[in-house]
Amino acid sequence: TTPATNTDMLEKMQSSNEWVKNAKVIIILRSLENFMQFSLRAIRMK
Protein backbone atom coordinates (compact mmCIF):
# COMPACT_ATOMS: atom_id res chain seq x y z
CA THR A 1 0.00 0.00 0.00
CA THR A 2 1.11 3.52 -0.68
CA PRO A 3 1.40 6.19 2.01
CA ALA A 4 -1.50 8.04 0.35
CA THR A 5 -3.70 4.95 0.69
CA ASN A 6 -2.75 4.60 4.34
CA THR A 7 -3.58 8.26 4.93
CA ASP A 8 -6.98 7.87 3.24
CA MET A 9 -7.72 4.77 5.30
CA LEU A 10 -6.67 6.53 8.50
CA GLU A 11 -8.93 9.49 7.71
CA LYS A 12 -11.87 7.17 7.01
CA MET A 13 -11.27 5.29 10.26
CA GLN A 14 -11.06 8.54 12.23
CA SER A 15 -14.31 9.86 10.73
CA SER A 16 -15.92 6.47 11.39
CA ASN A 17 -14.66 6.52 15.00
CA GLU A 18 -16.01 10.06 15.36
CA TRP A 19 -19.41 8.90 14.10
CA VAL A 20 -19.43 5.97 16.55
CA LYS A 21 -18.46 8.28 19.41
CA ASN A 22 -21.25 10.72 18.52
CA ALA A 23 -23.77 7.88 18.26
CA LYS A 24 -22.76 6.60 21.72
CA VAL A 25 -23.13 10.07 23.23
CA ILE A 26 -26.60 10.46 21.71
CA ILE A 27 -27.69 7.04 23.01
CA ILE A 28 -26.34 7.78 26.50
CA LEU A 29 -28.05 11.17 26.62
CA ARG A 30 -31.38 9.67 25.50
CA SER A 31 -31.09 6.99 28.17
CA LEU A 32 -30.31 9.64 30.77
CA GLU A 33 -33.29 11.72 29.63
CA ASN A 34 -35.61 8.69 29.89
CA PHE A 35 -34.25 7.84 33.33
CA MET A 36 -34.73 11.41 34.57
CA GLN A 37 -38.30 11.57 33.23
CA PHE A 38 -39.11 8.23 34.89
CA SER A 39 -37.53 9.41 38.17
CA LEU A 40 -39.48 12.65 38.07
CA ARG A 41 -42.75 10.75 37.59
CA ALA A 42 -41.86 8.41 40.46
CA ILE A 43 -41.10 11.36 42.75
CA ARG A 44 -44.39 13.09 41.84
CA MET A 45 -46.37 9.92 42.63
CA LYS A 46 -45.14 9.79 46.24
C-alpha atoms as a PDB file:
ATOM      1  CA  THR A   1       0.000   0.000   0.000  1.00  0.00           C
ATOM      2  CA  THR A   2       1.111   3.525  -0.680  1.00  0.00           C
ATOM      3  CA  PRO A   3       1.396   6.191   2.014  1.00  0.00           C
ATOM      4  CA  ALA A   4      -1.503   8.044   0.354  1.00  0.00           C
ATOM      5  CA  THR A   5      -3.699   4.951   0.685  1.00  0.00           C
ATOM      6  CA  ASN A   6      -2.748   4.596   4.341  1.00  0.00           C
ATOM      7  CA  THR A   7      -3.582   8.260   4.929  1.00  0.00           C
ATOM      8  CA  ASP A   8      -6.976   7.867   3.241  1.00  0.00           C
ATOM      9  CA  MET A   9      -7.723   4.766   5.300  1.00  0.00           C
ATOM     10  CA  LEU A  10      -6.672   6.527   8.498  1.00  0.00           C
ATOM     11  CA  GLU A  11      -8.932   9.493   7.708  1.00  0.00           C
ATOM     12  CA  LYS A  12     -11.871   7.174   7.007  1.00  0.00           C
ATOM     13  CA  MET A  13     -11.268   5.293  10.257  1.00  0.00           C
ATOM     14  CA  GLN A  14     -11.063   8.535  12.228  1.00  0.00           C
ATOM     15  CA  SER A  15     -14.310   9.855  10.729  1.00  0.00           C
ATOM     16  CA  SER A  16     -15.924   6.468  11.395  1.00  0.00           C
ATOM     17  CA  ASN A  17     -14.665   6.520  14.999  1.00  0.00           C
ATOM     18  CA  GLU A  18     -16.013  10.058  15.359  1.00  0.00           C
ATOM     19  CA  TRP A  19     -19.414   8.896  14.098  1.00  0.00           C
ATOM     20  CA  VAL A  20     -19.433   5.970  16.545  1.00  0.00           C
ATOM     21  CA  LYS A  21     -18.457   8.278  19.410  1.00  0.00           C
ATOM     22  CA  ASN A  22     -21.250  10.723  18.520  1.00  0.00           C
ATOM     23  CA  ALA A  23     -23.772   7.884  18.264  1.00  0.00           C
ATOM     24  CA  LYS A  24     -22.759   6.600  21.718  1.00  0.00           C
ATOM     25  CA  VAL A  25     -23.125  10.071  23.229  1.00  0.00           C
ATOM     26  CA  ILE A  26     -26.604  10.455  21.714  1.00  0.00           C
ATOM     27  CA  ILE A  27     -27.693   7.038  23.013  1.00  0.00           C
ATOM     28  CA  ILE A  28     -26.338   7.775  26.497  1.00  0.00           C
ATOM     29  CA  LEU A  29     -28.053  11.171  26.617  1.00  0.00           C
ATOM     30  CA  ARG A  30     -31.380   9.672  25.496  1.00  0.00           C
ATOM     31  CA  SER A  31     -31.093   6.992  28.174  1.00  0.00           C
ATOM     32  CA  LEU A  32     -30.313   9.642  30.774  1.00  0.00           C
ATOM     33  CA  GLU A  33     -33.290  11.716  29.631  1.00  0.00           C
ATOM     34  CA  ASN A  34     -35.610   8.689  29.885  1.00  0.00           C
ATOM     35  CA  PHE A  35     -34.254   7.842  33.330  1.00  0.00           C
ATOM     36  CA  MET A  36     -34.732  11.411  34.569  1.00  0.00           C
ATOM     37  CA  GLN A  37     -38.299  11.566  33.227  1.00  0.00           C
ATOM     38  CA  PHE A  38     -39.106   8.233  34.890  1.00  0.00           C
ATOM     39  CA  SER A  39     -37.533   9.408  38.169  1.00  0.00           C
ATOM     40  CA  LEU A  40     -39.484  12.655  38.068  1.00  0.00           C
ATOM     41  CA  ARG A  41     -42.746  10.746  37.593  1.00  0.00           C
ATOM     42  CA  ALA A  42     -41.857   8.406  40.458  1.00  0.00           C
ATOM     43  CA  ILE A  43     -41.098  11.362  42.747  1.00  0.00           C
ATOM     44  CA  ARG A  44     -44.390  13.091  41.844  1.00  0.00           C
ATOM     45  CA  MET A  45     -46.373   9.923  42.628  1.00  0.00           C
ATOM     46  CA  LYS A  46     -45.136   9.795  46.237  1.00  0.00           C
END
